[in-house]
Amino acid sequence: MEKDWVNIFTTNQAYLAEIIKDMLADNDIQAVIINKQDSAYITIGDIDIYVKAGNVIKAKYLINKLKN
């Protein structure tokens, strides 16, 4: 990843990563999902969500709001 992208969320559930990415897009925040899960054993590995450094605070706020 380029230097101006920051990992803001990690999960092992692909559906949750997609929900968060869509929620961020709805709030005009570009997000990228990096799936590090093993294709044979999907329970091994993580899925990371990255946003631009300037959007970190807003993105984390929205994720916390979604979780609560």
PDB file of N, CA and C in Angstrom:
ATOM      1  N   MET A   1       0.850  -1.190   0.000  1.00  0.00           N
ATOM      2  CA  MET A   1       0.000   0.000   0.000  1.00  0.00           C
ATOM      3  C   MET A   1       0.887   1.242   0.000  1.00  0.00           C
ATOM      4  N   GLU A   2       0.351   2.280  -0.549  1.00  0.00           N
ATOM      5  CA  GLU A   2       1.070   3.543  -0.537  1.00  0.00           C
ATOM      6  C   GLU A   2       1.099   4.097   0.880  1.00  0.00           C
ATOM      7  N   LYS A   3       2.000   5.023   1.128  1.00  0.00           N
ATOM      8  CA  LYS A   3       2.209   5.535   2.478  1.00  0.00           C
ATOM      9  C   LYS A   3       1.014   6.287   3.049  1.00  0.00           C
ATOM     10  N   ASP A   4       0.169   6.866   2.213  1.00  0.00           N
ATOM     11  CA  ASP A   4      -0.923   7.679   2.741  1.00  0.00           C
ATOM     12  C   ASP A   4      -2.182   6.873   3.056  1.00  0.00           C
ATOM     13  N   TRP A   5      -2.122   5.549   3.004  1.00  0.00           N
ATOM     14  CA  TRP A   5      -3.237   4.681   3.372  1.00  0.00           C
ATOM     15  C   TRP A   5      -2.981   4.094   4.755  1.00  0.00           C
ATOM     16  N   VAL A   6      -4.031   4.057   5.583  1.00  0.00           N
ATOM     17  CA  VAL A   6      -3.904   3.604   6.969  1.00  0.00           C
ATOM     18  C   VAL A   6      -4.904   2.474   7.220  1.00  0.00           C
ATOM     19  N   ASN A   7      -4.431   1.423   7.884  1.00  0.00           N
ATOM     20  CA  ASN A   7      -5.311   0.317   8.264  1.00  0.00           C
ATOM     21  C   ASN A   7      -6.178   0.776   9.435  1.00  0.00           C
ATOM     22  N   ILE A   8      -7.498   0.766   9.236  1.00  0.00           N
ATOM     23  CA  ILE A   8      -8.391   1.236  10.294  1.00  0.00           C
ATOM     24  C   ILE A   8      -9.236   0.131  10.904  1.00  0.00           C
ATOM     25  N   PHE A   9      -9.277  -1.034  10.263  1.00  0.00           N
ATOM     26  CA  PHE A   9     -10.121  -2.106  10.789  1.00  0.00           C
ATOM     27  C   PHE A   9      -9.621  -3.439  10.269  1.00  0.00           C
ATOM     28  N   THR A  10      -9.632  -4.445  11.145  1.00  0.00           N
ATOM     29  CA  THR A  10      -9.232  -5.800  10.779  1.00  0.00           C
ATOM     30  C   THR A  10     -10.294  -6.774  11.276  1.00  0.00           C
ATOM     31  N   THR A  11     -10.633  -7.721  10.435  1.00  0.00           N
ATOM     32  CA  THR A  11     -11.624  -8.736  10.783  1.00  0.00           C
ATOM     33  C   THR A  11     -11.268 -10.033  10.085  1.00  0.00           C
ATOM     34  N   ASN A  12     -11.964 -11.102  10.445  1.00  0.00           N
ATOM     35  CA  ASN A  12     -11.809 -12.355   9.704  1.00  0.00           C
ATOM     36  C   ASN A  12     -13.112 -12.720   9.005  1.00  0.00           C
ATOM     37  N   GLN A  13     -14.054 -11.768   8.970  1.00  0.00           N
ATOM     38  CA  GLN A  13     -15.361 -11.990   8.361  1.00  0.00           C
ATOM     39  C   GLN A  13     -15.512 -11.102   7.124  1.00  0.00           C
ATOM     40  N   ALA A  14     -15.554 -11.734   5.953  1.00  0.00           N
ATOM     41  CA  ALA A  14     -15.610 -10.993   4.690  1.00  0.00           C
ATOM     42  C   ALA A  14     -16.862 -10.129   4.587  1.00  0.00           C
ATOM     43  N   TYR A  15     -17.996 -10.639   5.056  1.00  0.00           N
ATOM     44  CA  TYR A  15     -19.240  -9.865   4.949  1.00  0.00           C
ATOM     45  C   TYR A  15     -19.164  -8.581   5.763  1.00  0.00           C
ATOM     46  N   LEU A  16     -18.526  -8.643   6.939  1.00  0.00           N
ATOM     47  CA  LEU A  16     -18.396  -7.458   7.779  1.00  0.00           C
ATOM     48  C   LEU A  16     -17.503  -6.417   7.111  1.00  0.00           C
ATOM     49  N   ALA A  17     -16.431  -6.862   6.497  1.00  0.00           N
ATOM     50  CA  ALA A  17     -15.541  -5.944   5.779  1.00  0.00           C
ATOM     51  C   ALA A  17     -16.293  -5.237   4.654  1.00  0.00           C
ATOM     52  N   GLU A  18     -17.127  -5.962   3.925  1.00  0.00           N
ATOM     53  CA  GLU A  18     -17.907  -5.359   2.834  1.00  0.00           C
ATOM     54  C   GLU A  18     -18.945  -4.371   3.361  1.00  0.00           C
ATOM     55  N   ILE A  19     -19.591  -4.708   4.472  1.00  0.00           N
ATOM     56  CA  ILE A  19     -20.567  -3.790   5.079  1.00  0.00           C
ATOM     57  C   ILE A  19     -19.887  -2.489   5.474  1.00  0.00           C
ATOM     58  N   ILE A  20     -18.721  -2.587   6.102  1.00  0.00           N
ATOM     59  CA  ILE A  20     -17.996  -1.389   6.541  1.00  0.00           C
ATOM     60  C   ILE A  20     -17.525  -0.583   5.336  1.00  0.00           C
ATOM     61  N   LYS A  21     -17.002  -1.255   4.324  1.00  0.00           N
ATOM     62  CA  LYS A  21     -16.556  -0.543   3.122  1.00  0.00           C
ATOM     63  C   LYS A  21     -17.712   0.215   2.481  1.00  0.00           C
ATOM     64  N   ASP A  22     -18.876  -0.415   2.371  1.00  0.00           N
ATOM     65  CA  ASP A  22     -20.050   0.243   1.789  1.00  0.00           C
ATOM     66  C   ASP A  22     -20.513   1.418   2.636  1.00  0.00           C
ATOM     67  N   MET A  23     -20.495   1.255   3.956  1.00  0.00           N
ATOM     68  CA  MET A  23     -20.890   2.339   4.853  1.00  0.00           C
ATOM     69  C   MET A  23     -19.944   3.535   4.703  1.00  0.00           C
ATOM     70  N   LEU A  24     -18.655   3.260   4.585  1.00  0.00           N
ATOM     71  CA  LEU A  24     -17.687   4.336   4.391  1.00  0.00           C
ATOM     72  C   LEU A  24     -17.913   5.022   3.043  1.00  0.00           C
ATOM     73  N   ALA A  25     -18.179   4.255   2.005  1.00  0.00           N
ATOM     74  CA  ALA A  25     -18.452   4.832   0.682  1.00  0.00           C
ATOM     75  C   ALA A  25     -19.693   5.714   0.720  1.00  0.00           C
ATOM     76  N   ASP A  26     -20.712   5.299   1.468  1.00  0.00           N
ATOM     77  CA  ASP A  26     -21.929   6.107   1.617  1.00  0.00           C
ATOM     78  C   ASP A  26     -21.641   7.447   2.280  1.00  0.00           C
ATOM     79  N   ASN A  27     -20.521   7.513   3.022  1.00  0.00           N
ATOM     80  CA  ASN A  27     -20.114   8.745   3.700  1.00  0.00           C
ATOM     81  C   ASN A  27     -18.930   9.411   3.001  1.00  0.00           C
ATOM     82  N   ASP A  28     -18.771   9.124   1.716  1.00  0.00           N
ATOM     83  CA  ASP A  28     -17.741   9.744   0.867  1.00  0.00           C
ATOM     84  C   ASP A  28     -16.314   9.476   1.327  1.00  0.00           C
ATOM     85  N   ILE A  29     -16.083   8.278   1.855  1.00  0.00           N
ATOM     86  CA  ILE A  29     -14.738   7.872   2.256  1.00  0.00           C
ATOM     87  C   ILE A  29     -14.346   6.677   1.400  1.00  0.00           C
ATOM     88  N   GLN A  30     -13.286   6.849   0.619  1.00  0.00           N
ATOM     89  CA  GLN A  30     -12.791   5.752  -0.206  1.00  0.00           C
ATOM     90  C   GLN A  30     -12.081   4.745   0.691  1.00  0.00           C
ATOM     91  N   ALA A  31     -12.442   3.486   0.564  1.00  0.00           N
ATOM     92  CA  ALA A  31     -11.835   2.426   1.365  1.00  0.00           C
ATOM     93  C   ALA A  31     -11.402   1.288   0.454  1.00  0.00           C
ATOM     94  N   VAL A  32     -10.356   0.588   0.892  1.00  0.00           N
ATOM     95  CA  VAL A  32      -9.827  -0.548   0.147  1.00  0.00           C
ATOM     96  C   VAL A  32      -9.763  -1.741   1.095  1.00  0.00           C
ATOM     97  N   ILE A  33     -10.217  -2.888   0.606  1.00  0.00           N
ATOM     98  CA  ILE A  33     -10.146  -4.122   1.385  1.00  0.00           C
ATOM     99  C   ILE A  33      -8.961  -4.941   0.892  1.00  0.00           C
ATOM    100  N   ILE A  34      -8.121  -5.369   1.834  1.00  0.00           N
ATOM    101  CA  ILE A  34      -7.010  -6.268   1.534  1.00  0.00           C
ATOM    102  C   ILE A  34      -7.297  -7.584   2.250  1.00  0.00           C
ATOM    103  N   ASN A  35      -7.554  -8.622   1.462  1.00  0.00           N
ATOM    104  CA  ASN A  35      -7.905  -9.926   2.013  1.00  0.00           C
ATOM    105  C   ASN A  35      -6.644 -10.778   2.101  1.00  0.00           C
ATOM    106  N   LYS A  36      -6.231 -11.104   3.322  1.00  0.00           N
ATOM    107  CA  LYS A  36      -5.033 -11.910   3.553  1.00  0.00           C
ATOM    108  C   LYS A  36      -5.386 -13.328   3.982  1.00  0.00           C
ATOM    109  N   GLN A  37      -6.646 -13.717   3.768  1.00  0.00           N
ATOM    110  CA  GLN A  37      -7.072 -15.051   4.165  1.00  0.00           C
ATOM    111  C   GLN A  37      -6.551 -16.094   3.187  1.00  0.00           C
ATOM    112  N   ASP A  38      -6.230 -17.250   3.721  1.00  0.00           N
ATOM    113  CA  ASP A  38      -5.815 -18.385   2.904  1.00  0.00           C
ATOM    114  C   ASP A  38      -7.023 -18.865   2.104  1.00  0.00           C
ATOM    115  N   SER A  39      -6.864 -19.050   0.814  1.00  0.00           N
ATOM    116  CA  SER A  39      -8.004 -19.438  -0.023  1.00  0.00           C
ATOM    117  C   SER A  39      -8.492 -20.858   0.280  1.00  0.00           C
ATOM    118  N   ALA A  40      -7.634 -21.705   0.802  1.00  0.00           N
ATOM    119  CA  ALA A  40      -8.036 -23.070   1.135  1.00  0.00           C
ATOM    120  C   ALA A  40      -8.651 -23.156   2.530  1.00  0.00           C
ATOM    121  N   TYR A  41      -8.171 -22.318   3.444  1.00  0.00           N
ATOM    122  CA  TYR A  41      -8.652 -22.323   4.830  1.00  0.00           C
ATOM    123  C   TYR A  41      -9.037 -20.898   5.198  1.00  0.00           C
ATOM    124  N   ILE A  42     -10.281 -20.516   4.911  1.00  0.00           N
ATOM    125  CA  ILE A  42     -10.671 -19.111   5.082  1.00  0.00           C
ATOM    126  C   ILE A  42     -10.695 -18.661   6.539  1.00  0.00           C
ATOM    127  N   THR A  43     -10.531 -19.593   7.467  1.00  0.00           N
ATOM    128  CA  THR A  43     -10.473 -19.189   8.874  1.00  0.00           C
ATOM    129  C   THR A  43      -9.072 -18.733   9.264  1.00  0.00           C
ATOM    130  N   ILE A  44      -8.123 -18.886   8.365  1.00  0.00           N
ATOM    131  CA  ILE A  44      -6.745 -18.478   8.639  1.00  0.00           C
ATOM    132  C   ILE A  44      -6.468 -17.184   7.883  1.00  0.00           C
ATOM    133  N   GLY A  45      -6.103 -16.147   8.619  1.00  0.00           N
ATOM    134  CA  GLY A  45      -5.770 -14.868   8.002  1.00  0.00           C
ATOM    135  C   GLY A  45      -6.799 -13.802   8.305  1.00  0.00           C
ATOM    136  N   ASP A  46      -6.442 -12.585   7.994  1.00  0.00           N
ATOM    137  CA  ASP A  46      -7.279 -11.429   8.294  1.00  0.00           C
ATOM    138  C   ASP A  46      -7.665 -10.685   7.025  1.00  0.00           C
ATOM    139  N   ILE A  47      -8.666  -9.841   7.188  1.00  0.00           N
ATOM    140  CA  ILE A  47      -9.099  -8.927   6.139  1.00  0.00           C
ATOM    141  C   ILE A  47      -8.940  -7.523   6.702  1.00  0.00           C
ATOM    142  N   ASP A  48      -8.151  -6.690   6.038  1.00  0.00           N
ATOM    143  CA  ASP A  48      -7.881  -5.329   6.500  1.00  0.00           C
ATOM    144  C   ASP A  48      -8.622  -4.319   5.640  1.00  0.00           C
ATOM    145  N   ILE A  49      -9.072  -3.238   6.279  1.00  0.00           N
ATOM    146  CA  ILE A  49      -9.691  -2.127   5.564  1.00  0.00           C
ATOM    147  C   ILE A  49      -8.785  -0.914   5.728  1.00  0.00           C
ATOM    148  N   TYR A  50      -8.441  -0.304   4.606  1.00  0.00           N
ATOM    149  CA  TYR A  50      -7.571   0.866   4.581  1.00  0.00           C
ATOM    150  C   TYR A  50      -8.330   2.078   4.058  1.00  0.00           C
ATOM    151  N   VAL A  51      -8.008   3.249   4.627  1.00  0.00           N
ATOM    152  CA  VAL A  51      -8.523   4.522   4.121  1.00  0.00           C
ATOM    153  C   VAL A  51      -7.360   5.495   4.029  1.00  0.00           C
ATOM    154  N   LYS A  52      -7.566   6.575   3.303  1.00  0.00           N
ATOM    155  CA  LYS A  52      -6.543   7.627   3.218  1.00  0.00           C
ATOM    156  C   LYS A  52      -6.337   8.244   4.602  1.00  0.00           C
ATOM    157  N   ALA A  53      -5.130   8.688   4.869  1.00  0.00           N
ATOM    158  CA  ALA A  53      -4.772   9.216   6.182  1.00  0.00           C
ATOM    159  C   ALA A  53      -5.689  10.353   6.628  1.00  0.00           C
ATOM    160  N   GLY A  54      -6.138  11.179   5.714  1.00  0.00           N
ATOM    161  CA  GLY A  54      -7.003  12.301   6.063  1.00  0.00           C
ATOM    162  C   GLY A  54      -8.403  11.900   6.490  1.00  0.00           C
ATOM    163  N   ASN A  55      -8.775  10.649   6.266  1.00  0.00           N
ATOM    164  CA  ASN A  55     -10.118  10.175   6.610  1.00  0.00           C
ATOM    165  C   ASN A  55     -10.150   9.236   7.815  1.00  0.00           C
ATOM    166  N   VAL A  56      -9.018   9.035   8.462  1.00  0.00           N
ATOM    167  CA  VAL A  56      -8.928   8.045   9.541  1.00  0.00           C
ATOM    168  C   VAL A  56      -9.884   8.348  10.688  1.00  0.00           C
ATOM    169  N   ILE A  57      -9.892   9.561  11.181  1.00  0.00           N
ATOM    170  CA  ILE A  57     -10.718   9.903  12.346  1.00  0.00           C
ATOM    171  C   ILE A  57     -12.199   9.720  12.032  1.00  0.00           C
ATOM    172  N   LYS A  58     -12.645  10.247  10.904  1.00  0.00           N
ATOM    173  CA  LYS A  58     -14.055  10.119  10.528  1.00  0.00           C
ATOM    174  C   LYS A  58     -14.422   8.650  10.313  1.00  0.00           C
ATOM    175  N   ALA A  59     -13.554   7.893   9.667  1.00  0.00           N
ATOM    176  CA  ALA A  59     -13.833   6.480   9.398  1.00  0.00           C
ATOM    177  C   ALA A  59     -13.933   5.681  10.693  1.00  0.00           C
ATOM    178  N   LYS A  60     -13.016   5.900  11.620  1.00  0.00           N
ATOM    179  CA  LYS A  60     -13.066   5.187  12.902  1.00  0.00           C
ATOM    180  C   LYS A  60     -14.317   5.563  13.690  1.00  0.00           C
ATOM    181  N   TYR A  61     -14.698   6.829  13.633  1.00  0.00           N
ATOM    182  CA  TYR A  61     -15.926   7.271  14.300  1.00  0.00           C
ATOM    183  C   TYR A  61     -17.135   6.535  13.723  1.00  0.00           C
ATOM    184  N   LEU A  62     -17.222   6.457  12.405  1.00  0.00           N
ATOM    185  CA  LEU A  62     -18.351   5.786  11.756  1.00  0.00           C
ATOM    186  C   LEU A  62     -18.378   4.289  12.067  1.00  0.00           C
ATOM    187  N   ILE A  63     -17.220   3.663  12.113  1.00  0.00           N
ATOM    188  CA  ILE A  63     -17.157   2.233  12.442  1.00  0.00           C
ATOM    189  C   ILE A  63     -17.609   2.003  13.877  1.00  0.00           C
ATOM    190  N   ASN A  64     -17.142   2.838  14.798  1.00  0.00           N
ATOM    191  CA  ASN A  64     -17.570   2.704  16.198  1.00  0.00           C
ATOM    192  C   ASN A  64     -19.068   2.923  16.335  1.00  0.00           C
ATOM    193  N   LYS A  65     -19.601   3.865  15.586  1.00  0.00           N
ATOM    194  CA  LYS A  65     -21.040   4.136  15.602  1.00  0.00           C
ATOM    195  C   LYS A  65     -21.812   2.929  15.063  1.00  0.00           C
ATOM    196  N   LEU A  66     -21.295   2.279  14.036  1.00  0.00           N
ATOM    197  CA  LEU A  66     -21.928   1.098  13.457  1.00  0.00           C
ATOM    198  C   LEU A  66     -21.916  -0.071  14.441  1.00  0.00           C
ATOM    199  N   LYS A  67     -20.825  -0.242  15.169  1.00  0.00           N
ATOM    200  CA  LYS A  67     -20.684  -1.359  16.102  1.00  0.00           C
ATOM    201  C   LYS A  67     -21.558  -1.191  17.342  1.00  0.00           C
ATOM    202  N   ASN A  68     -21.904   0.041  17.695  1.00  0.00           N
ATOM    203  CA  ASN A  68     -22.690   0.270  18.921  1.00  0.00           C
ATOM    204  C   ASN A  68     -24.121   0.427  18.652  1.00  0.00           C
TER     205      ASN A  68
END
